[in-house]
Amino acid sequence: MNDHQDVQDHLRKLVANNDVVLFMKGSPVMPQCGFSAAVVQVLSHLGIKFKGIDVLQDPDLRQGIKD
């Protein structure tokens, strides 16, 4: 993904199609930072289903979130 508008459209669809989206470093099974691990732990403890998106896999997506 590299077009700014495509990234923004993709982000909107992810948020619209999921009750909870966690943009994180790593995956829910293998978080790559302490904050991501803590949020996964809290959501899992509360029984909240969520979609984890690894922002380290796509620099355009990571920048799109910041934009």
Protein backbone atom coordinates (compact mmCIF):
# COMPACT_ATOMS: atom_id res chain seq x y z
CA MET A 1 0.00 0.00 0.00
CA ASN A 2 1.53 3.30 -0.90
CA ASP A 3 -1.12 5.78 -2.04
CA HIS A 4 -2.15 7.99 0.88
CA GLN A 5 -5.86 7.81 0.02
CA ASP A 6 -5.73 4.01 -0.37
CA VAL A 7 -4.15 3.73 3.09
CA GLN A 8 -6.79 5.99 4.63
CA ASP A 9 -9.59 4.03 2.93
CA HIS A 10 -8.09 0.76 4.20
CA LEU A 11 -7.91 2.14 7.75
CA ARG A 12 -11.53 3.32 7.60
CA LYS A 13 -12.68 -0.12 6.44
CA LEU A 14 -10.74 -1.89 9.19
CA VAL A 15 -12.31 0.31 11.85
CA ALA A 16 -15.80 0.13 10.32
CA ASN A 17 -15.76 -3.67 9.98
CA ASN A 18 -14.46 -4.51 13.48
CA ASP A 19 -15.77 -3.54 16.89
CA VAL A 20 -12.23 -3.24 18.29
CA VAL A 21 -9.03 -2.84 16.27
CA LEU A 22 -5.65 -2.85 17.98
CA PHE A 23 -2.92 -1.28 15.87
CA MET A 24 0.09 -2.77 17.55
CA LYS A 25 3.72 -3.73 17.19
CA GLY A 26 3.71 -7.47 16.62
CA SER A 27 0.75 -9.79 16.81
CA PRO A 28 -1.61 -10.69 19.64
CA VAL A 29 0.32 -13.95 20.03
CA MET A 30 3.75 -12.28 19.86
CA PRO A 31 3.57 -8.60 20.87
CA GLN A 32 6.77 -6.69 20.09
CA CYS A 33 6.49 -3.98 22.74
CA GLY A 34 5.34 -3.64 26.31
CA PHE A 35 2.39 -1.38 25.54
CA SER A 36 1.06 -3.79 22.90
CA ALA A 37 1.50 -6.73 25.27
CA ALA A 38 -0.33 -4.89 28.06
CA VAL A 39 -3.31 -3.98 25.85
CA VAL A 40 -3.56 -7.54 24.50
CA GLN A 41 -3.52 -8.83 28.07
CA VAL A 42 -6.26 -6.43 29.22
CA LEU A 43 -8.52 -7.08 26.22
CA SER A 44 -8.05 -10.84 26.54
CA HIS A 45 -8.69 -10.76 30.30
CA LEU A 46 -11.93 -8.86 29.70
CA GLY A 47 -12.97 -11.31 26.99
CA ILE A 48 -13.10 -8.61 24.33
CA LYS A 49 -12.63 -9.89 20.79
CA PHE A 50 -10.36 -7.66 18.74
CA LYS A 51 -8.51 -7.55 15.46
CA GLY A 52 -4.77 -7.07 15.89
CA ILE A 53 -2.94 -5.25 13.09
CA ASP A 54 0.87 -5.39 13.09
CA VAL A 55 2.01 -1.89 12.08
CA LEU A 56 5.60 -3.11 11.74
CA GLN A 57 4.64 -5.10 8.63
CA ASP A 58 3.56 -2.07 6.58
CA PRO A 59 5.34 1.30 6.92
CA ASP A 60 2.64 3.04 4.84
CA LEU A 61 -0.07 1.78 7.19
CA ARG A 62 1.97 2.87 10.21
CA GLN A 63 2.38 6.35 8.75
CA GLY A 64 -1.29 6.45 7.75
CA ILE A 65 -2.32 5.92 11.36
CA LYS A 66 -0.13 8.84 12.40
CA ASP A 67 -1.59 11.03 9.65
